Protein backbone atom coordinates (compact mmCIF):
# COMPACT_ATOMS: atom_id res chain seq x y z
CA MET A 1 5.27 16.98 15.49
CA GLY A 2 6.88 13.70 14.77
CA GLY A 3 6.65 10.28 15.72
CA CYS A 4 4.18 9.08 13.01
CA GLY A 5 6.48 7.43 10.55
CA VAL A 6 8.30 4.06 10.37
CA THR A 7 11.56 3.76 8.53
CA ILE A 8 11.85 0.67 6.20
CA ARG A 9 15.21 -0.45 5.52
CA CYS A 10 15.61 -2.74 2.46
CA TYR A 11 18.23 -5.53 2.81
CA ARG A 12 19.23 -7.88 -0.06
CA LEU A 13 18.15 -11.12 0.86
CA GLY A 14 18.41 -13.26 -2.28
CA VAL A 15 16.43 -13.90 -5.15
CA PHE A 16 12.85 -13.79 -3.60
CA GLY A 17 13.69 -10.30 -2.15
CA LEU A 18 12.85 -8.27 0.79
CA ALA A 19 11.42 -10.21 3.81
CA SER A 20 12.59 -7.47 6.02
CA VAL A 21 10.53 -4.98 4.06
CA LEU A 22 7.43 -6.54 2.59
CA LEU A 23 7.52 -9.92 4.01
CA LEU A 24 6.58 -12.70 1.63
CA LEU A 25 3.51 -11.08 -0.01
CA TRP A 26 0.52 -12.91 -1.56
CA SER A 27 -3.06 -12.13 -2.44
CA ARG A 28 -5.80 -13.90 -4.45
CA SER A 29 -8.62 -11.29 -4.56
CA ALA A 30 -7.87 -7.66 -3.96
CA LEU A 31 -7.33 -5.41 -7.21
CA ALA A 32 -4.65 -2.99 -6.41
CA ASP A 33 -3.70 -0.10 -9.01
CA GLY A 34 -1.69 2.79 -9.89
CA SER A 35 -3.10 6.26 -10.74
CA ALA A 36 0.18 7.05 -12.71
CA GLU A 37 1.96 10.18 -11.85
CA VAL A 38 0.51 13.29 -10.60
CA GLY A 39 0.32 16.43 -12.63
CA VAL A 40 -0.47 20.15 -12.01
CA PHE A 41 -4.32 20.70 -11.02
CA PRO A 42 -6.50 23.54 -10.67
CA SER A 43 -7.12 24.98 -6.90
CA THR A 44 -10.92 25.04 -6.39
CA GLY A 45 -10.66 25.53 -2.73
CA ALA A 46 -13.58 22.69 -2.63
CA TYR A 47 -11.61 20.67 0.02
CA ARG A 48 -10.88 21.08 3.79
CA ALA A 49 -8.42 18.88 5.70
CA THR A 50 -7.71 19.59 9.51
CA HIS A 51 -5.14 17.90 11.61
CA ARG A 52 -6.83 16.44 14.73
CA GLU A 53 -3.98 14.64 16.68
CA ASP A 54 -1.22 12.00 16.51
CA ARG A 55 -2.04 8.81 18.43
CA GLY A 56 -0.13 5.61 18.44
CA GLY A 57 2.25 6.34 15.60
CA VAL A 58 -0.99 7.33 13.26
CA THR A 59 -1.92 10.91 12.23
CA ILE A 60 -5.65 11.55 12.44
CA ILE A 61 -6.72 14.31 9.67
CA ASP A 62 -10.62 15.08 9.24
CA PHE A 63 -11.50 15.68 5.65
CA VAL A 64 -14.46 17.45 4.09
CA GLY A 65 -15.09 17.13 0.56
CA ASP A 66 -15.38 14.45 -2.46
CA TYR A 67 -12.54 12.09 -1.86
CA SER A 68 -13.59 9.83 -5.16
CA ARG A 69 -10.76 8.67 -7.31
CA HIS A 70 -12.15 10.66 -10.20
CA LEU A 71 -14.16 13.74 -10.44
CA PRO A 72 -17.29 13.96 -12.55
CA SER A 73 -15.48 15.20 -15.40
CA GLY A 74 -13.42 11.99 -15.37
CA GLU A 75 -10.05 13.56 -14.53
CA SER A 76 -8.18 12.34 -11.36
CA ASN A 77 -9.11 14.08 -8.13
CA ILE A 78 -5.62 14.92 -7.25
CA GLU A 79 -6.50 18.27 -5.35
CA ALA A 80 -8.17 16.38 -2.56
CA ARG A 81 -5.01 14.45 -1.90
CA ALA A 82 -2.83 17.58 -2.07
CA VAL A 83 -4.79 19.29 0.49
CA ILE A 84 -4.50 16.39 2.79
CA ALA A 85 -0.63 16.03 2.04
CA GLN A 86 -0.48 20.02 2.64
CA GLU A 87 -2.07 19.70 6.09
CA PHE A 88 0.19 16.80 7.14
CA PHE A 89 3.37 18.65 6.13
CA ARG A 90 2.14 21.79 7.77
CA THR A 91 2.04 19.84 11.26
CA HIS A 92 4.95 17.38 10.44
CA PRO A 93 8.50 17.60 9.28
CA ASP A 94 9.24 17.03 5.64
CA GLN A 95 10.88 13.61 6.30
CA TYR A 96 8.88 11.17 4.76
CA ASP A 97 9.08 9.28 1.27
CA PHE A 98 5.53 8.01 1.17
CA LEU A 99 2.14 8.89 2.82
CA VAL A 100 -0.01 5.78 3.46
CA LEU A 101 -3.68 6.75 4.05
CA PHE A 102 -6.59 4.49 5.34
CA SER A 103 -10.00 6.16 5.77
CA THR A 104 -12.89 5.56 7.81
CA PHE A 105 -15.28 6.16 5.30
CA GLU A 106 -15.60 4.56 1.80
CA PHE A 107 -15.22 6.38 -1.41
CA ASN A 108 -15.40 5.67 -5.25
CA SER A 109 -11.91 4.21 -6.24
CA GLY A 110 -13.16 2.45 -9.19
CA GLU A 111 -12.48 -1.14 -9.60
CA ALA A 112 -9.30 -0.66 -7.42
CA THR A 113 -8.83 -1.69 -3.87
CA ALA A 114 -6.03 0.60 -3.32
CA LEU A 115 -4.05 3.39 -5.24
CA HIS A 116 -0.58 4.66 -5.67
CA TRP A 117 -0.24 8.45 -6.64
CA GLY A 118 3.24 9.17 -8.01
CA VAL A 119 4.36 12.72 -6.58
CA GLN A 120 7.75 12.64 -8.31
CA ASN A 121 10.41 10.44 -10.28
CA THR A 122 14.07 11.35 -10.65
CA VAL A 123 15.29 7.91 -11.44
CA ARG A 124 16.27 7.06 -15.01
CA GLY A 125 16.08 3.67 -16.72
CA LEU A 126 12.36 2.58 -15.29
CA GLY A 127 10.31 3.62 -18.39
CA ILE A 128 8.74 6.48 -16.33
CA ALA A 129 9.54 10.07 -17.38
CA PRO A 130 10.95 12.21 -14.78
CA TYR A 131 8.71 14.61 -13.06
CA ASN A 132 8.28 16.41 -9.68
CA VAL A 133 5.04 17.97 -8.20
CA SER A 134 6.04 17.31 -4.44
CA HIS A 135 5.89 21.23 -3.72
CA LEU A 136 2.10 20.74 -4.66
CA PHE A 137 1.74 18.29 -1.84
CA GLY A 138 3.66 20.52 0.77
CA SER A 139 6.99 18.61 0.59
CA ALA A 140 10.27 20.40 -0.41
CA GLY A 141 11.34 17.55 -2.61
CA ARG A 142 11.43 14.44 -0.42
CA LEU A 143 7.77 13.02 -0.74
CA LEU A 144 7.88 10.29 -3.42
CA GLY A 145 4.24 8.77 -3.36
CA TYR A 146 0.93 9.13 -1.64
CA ILE A 147 -0.73 5.59 -1.31
CA ASP A 148 -4.70 5.30 -0.69
CA MET A 149 -5.25 2.21 0.98
CA ALA A 150 -8.86 3.27 1.16
CA ALA A 151 -11.40 2.32 3.67
CA LEU A 152 -10.16 0.16 6.79
CA SER A 153 -13.32 -2.19 6.08
CA ARG A 154 -11.82 -3.34 2.84
CA HIS A 155 -8.88 -4.90 4.70
CA VAL A 156 -8.21 -7.80 6.92
CA LEU A 157 -6.19 -6.02 9.64
CA ASP A 158 -5.81 -8.62 12.22
CA PRO A 159 -2.24 -10.36 11.52
CA VAL A 160 -3.58 -13.78 13.24
CA GLN A 161 -5.88 -13.89 10.21
CA PRO A 162 -4.50 -15.33 6.89
CA ARG A 163 -5.88 -12.77 4.76
CA PHE A 164 -3.83 -10.16 6.66
CA GLU A 165 -1.39 -11.05 3.99
CA ASP A 166 -3.61 -9.79 1.26
CA THR A 167 -3.34 -6.41 3.05
CA LEU A 168 0.15 -6.23 2.96
CA SER A 169 0.27 -7.45 -0.64
CA SER A 170 -1.87 -4.65 -1.56
CA LEU A 171 0.50 -2.44 0.19
CA GLY A 172 3.67 -3.67 -1.54
CA HIS A 173 1.95 -3.53 -4.83
CA GLU A 174 1.15 0.16 -4.46
CA VAL A 175 4.79 0.84 -3.12
CA LEU A 176 6.23 -0.95 -6.13
CA HIS A 177 4.21 1.28 -8.55
CA GLN A 178 6.75 3.98 -7.65
CA TRP A 179 9.61 2.17 -9.95
CA SER A 180 8.08 -0.75 -11.66
CA GLY A 181 5.56 -2.05 -14.15
CA ARG A 182 6.53 0.27 -17.21
CA ALA A 183 9.73 -0.89 -18.52
CA ARG A 184 10.01 -1.84 -22.24
CA PHE A 185 12.50 -3.96 -24.08
CA ILE A 186 14.44 -4.08 -27.41
CA ASP A 187 12.82 -7.24 -29.32
CA ALA A 188 14.50 -9.57 -31.88
CA GLN A 189 13.65 -7.22 -34.51
CA GLY A 190 15.52 -4.18 -32.95
CA GLN A 191 12.34 -2.47 -32.14
CA VAL A 192 11.05 -1.15 -28.72
CA SER A 193 8.44 -3.58 -27.49
CA ARG A 194 5.69 -3.05 -24.79
CA ALA A 195 5.17 -6.76 -24.71
CA LEU A 196 6.24 -6.87 -20.83
CA LEU A 197 3.42 -4.50 -19.94
CA GLY A 198 -0.12 -5.58 -19.15
CA ARG A 199 -3.12 -3.78 -17.30
CA ASN A 200 -3.26 -0.23 -17.82
CA GLY A 201 0.47 -0.22 -19.18
CA ALA A 202 1.51 0.14 -15.37
CA HIS A 203 1.47 -3.64 -14.42
CA TRP A 204 3.22 -6.86 -15.89
CA SER A 205 1.68 -8.73 -18.66
CA ASP A 206 -0.36 -11.60 -17.62
CA LEU A 207 2.12 -13.68 -20.01
CA LEU A 208 5.39 -12.71 -18.25
CA ASP A 209 7.06 -15.20 -15.96
CA THR A 210 7.68 -12.63 -12.96
CA ASN A 211 7.99 -15.16 -10.47
CA ALA A 212 4.59 -14.55 -9.20
CA SER A 213 5.19 -10.75 -8.60
CA VAL A 214 2.74 -8.75 -6.69
CA LEU A 215 2.60 -6.40 -9.62
CA TYR A 216 1.09 -9.36 -11.63
CA GLY A 217 2.29 -11.74 -14.06
CA HIS A 218 2.76 -15.34 -13.00
CA LYS A 219 5.23 -18.10 -12.11
CA TRP A 220 4.83 -20.25 -15.08
CA ARG A 221 5.76 -23.94 -15.46
CA ASP A 222 6.58 -24.90 -18.91
CA ASN A 223 4.63 -28.50 -19.38
CA SER A 224 7.01 -29.30 -22.41
CA ASP A 225 3.88 -29.94 -24.60
CA GLY A 226 3.53 -26.42 -25.82
CA THR A 227 1.36 -25.47 -22.75
CA PHE A 228 2.08 -23.45 -19.61
CA THR A 229 0.56 -23.51 -16.19
CA SER A 230 0.46 -20.88 -13.48
CA GLU A 231 2.12 -22.33 -10.28
CA ALA A 232 1.68 -18.94 -8.28
CA ILE A 233 0.52 -15.46 -8.42
CA ARG A 234 1.02 -12.35 -6.57
CA THR A 235 3.51 -13.60 -3.95
CA PHE A 236 7.08 -12.37 -4.38
CA LEU A 237 8.87 -9.42 -6.02
CA SER A 238 10.66 -10.43 -9.20
CA PRO A 239 14.40 -9.85 -9.83
CA LEU A 240 13.41 -7.46 -12.77
CA GLU A 241 11.58 -5.21 -10.38
CA LEU A 242 14.18 -5.60 -7.73
CA TYR A 243 16.60 -4.09 -10.37
CA LEU A 244 13.96 -1.29 -11.30
CA ALA A 245 13.49 -0.50 -7.46
CA GLY A 246 17.43 -0.32 -6.93
CA TRP A 247 18.11 -3.29 -4.99
CA TYR A 248 19.49 -5.42 -7.65
CA ARG A 249 22.44 -4.84 -9.98
CA ARG A 250 22.05 -5.85 -13.63
CA ASP A 251 24.18 -8.86 -13.15
CA GLU A 252 21.80 -10.22 -10.36
CA VAL A 253 18.73 -10.32 -13.10
CA PRO A 254 18.59 -13.60 -14.61
CA PRO A 255 16.86 -14.05 -18.02
CA PHE A 256 13.12 -14.27 -17.79
CA VAL A 257 10.41 -15.79 -19.86
CA LEU A 258 7.45 -13.92 -21.94
CA ILE A 259 4.91 -16.48 -23.33
CA ASP A 260 3.75 -15.59 -26.83
CA SER A 261 0.13 -16.71 -26.70
CA PRO A 262 -2.08 -14.75 -29.34
CA GLY A 263 -5.49 -15.88 -27.93
CA HIS A 264 -4.56 -14.65 -24.39
CA ASP A 265 -5.27 -11.17 -23.10
CA PRO A 266 -1.93 -10.05 -21.57
CA THR A 267 -3.93 -7.22 -19.84
CA SER A 268 -5.80 -10.03 -17.68
CA VAL A 269 -5.54 -9.95 -13.96
CA PRO A 270 -3.72 -12.98 -12.93
CA ARG A 271 -5.61 -16.18 -11.62
CA PRO A 272 -4.32 -19.27 -10.13
CA ASP A 273 -4.24 -22.68 -11.97
CA LEU A 274 -4.46 -21.35 -15.49
CA THR A 275 -3.04 -23.24 -18.36
CA LEU A 276 -2.53 -22.12 -21.89
CA GLN A 277 -1.12 -22.73 -25.15
CA GLY A 278 2.18 -20.62 -26.23
CA THR A 279 5.82 -20.49 -27.05
CA ALA A 280 8.33 -19.18 -24.60
CA ARG A 281 10.63 -16.25 -25.61
CA VAL A 282 13.47 -15.33 -23.24
CA ILE A 283 14.15 -11.72 -22.40
CA THR A 284 17.16 -10.39 -20.72
CA ILE A 285 17.71 -7.40 -18.71
CA ASP A 286 20.22 -6.34 -21.35
CA GLN A 287 17.25 -5.94 -23.67
CA VAL A 288 15.51 -3.85 -20.96
CA ILE A 289 18.26 -1.55 -20.61
CA ALA A 290 18.78 -1.36 -24.46
CA ALA A 291 15.29 0.22 -24.52
CA GLU A 292 15.18 2.27 -21.17
CA GLY A 293 18.91 2.98 -20.42
CA PRO A 294 20.70 1.98 -17.47
CA ARG A 295 19.18 2.59 -14.14
CA VAL A 296 20.45 5.91 -12.65
CA PRO A 297 21.23 5.89 -9.75
CA SER A 298 22.52 2.39 -9.95
CA ALA A 299 21.72 -0.32 -7.20
CA GLU A 300 25.06 0.57 -5.59
CA GLN A 301 24.19 4.18 -5.09
CA ALA A 302 20.25 3.87 -4.82
CA GLN A 303 18.16 4.68 -1.87
CA LYS A 304 17.77 1.72 0.55
CA ALA A 305 15.83 3.20 3.37
CA PHE A 306 12.33 4.72 3.09
CA ARG A 307 10.05 6.41 5.70
CA PHE A 308 6.44 6.06 5.76
CA ALA A 309 3.86 8.20 7.41
CA TRP A 310 0.62 6.54 8.42
CA ILE A 311 -2.68 8.65 8.29
CA LEU A 312 -6.29 7.83 9.08
CA LEU A 313 -8.62 9.99 7.25
CA SER A 314 -11.74 10.59 8.87
CA SER A 315 -15.13 12.73 8.45
CA SER A 316 -15.12 16.01 10.31
CA GLY A 317 -16.30 15.31 14.05
CA GLU A 318 -16.26 11.78 13.81
CA ALA A 319 -15.61 9.72 16.78
CA ILE A 320 -12.43 7.59 16.09
CA ASP A 321 -12.72 4.07 16.99
CA LEU A 322 -9.32 3.00 18.96
CA ALA A 323 -9.66 -0.29 17.23
CA ALA A 324 -9.25 1.46 13.97
CA LEU A 325 -5.88 2.95 15.20
CA SER A 326 -4.79 -0.20 16.64
CA ALA A 327 -5.41 -2.05 13.43
CA ILE A 328 -3.35 0.54 11.37
CA GLY A 329 -0.68 -0.02 13.86
CA GLN A 330 -0.67 -3.70 13.12
CA VAL A 331 0.14 -2.95 9.53
CA ARG A 332 2.52 -0.27 10.39
CA GLN A 333 4.40 -2.77 12.72
């Protein structure tokens, strides 16, 4: 079966990025997260996924089992996701880079609104080790990531509502986790530094000027008095992460600022209108490359088109509201 995906082609549209792929994203409240790369997991047989039908570009899969982010043991609940992906690829061709799932039901996702589960990485120079467990998800090597957008009720899905942009921001954040948020740099003492990193070591530091990235950090204004004020948060894709994602060449990434502010927690979630004291430290892309190596493949050879499958996860036998499918269709479009 086919017809459940959409191909997103990424065009280079200048410093502020990819209006054709993620629009200009912004969010003020939803907390998105990355669950890091997936590893091998035991097969318990505790989960069941059954393809019901494809309708309007969305695949409906019935699921039985615990879909919480974590198992009672505290380990990540990977098997539930793998069983669902296997069922999808049993009934669909292996032609998708990302699976994006909404659910009709709530589940415990911790403090995150949405989640990215990394299925493989073959790109060098990101600060992410190579791995590939796509075969455990039913893919022969194409699938990159599994994105839990979680319950439909968490999101504004009407595009005429202002907070529809929050939904797109959460999705953009999760996609960006595939490449971004882990890079280190060589500091002035010649040491590998993690100072660019913030929350969970998978987001940017709250003290980094990311031009208001969806993956955290701020757009900082230097007040020329030893203080800095946040002008925007969670709005764009920064030149650094456009480089990491394979859209910008190294010479297209200008120097960026990291604020030294010992009294401020770099793992904080960004908030608007924040003012703090500190000293600006300028970091260059060459310092990042010195720590992580050059991106391979480079921007000239990197993948620029990605195919997404859209899945609605339902309880077994549950009647599907047509409005739910229409809502996912709005995001898909």
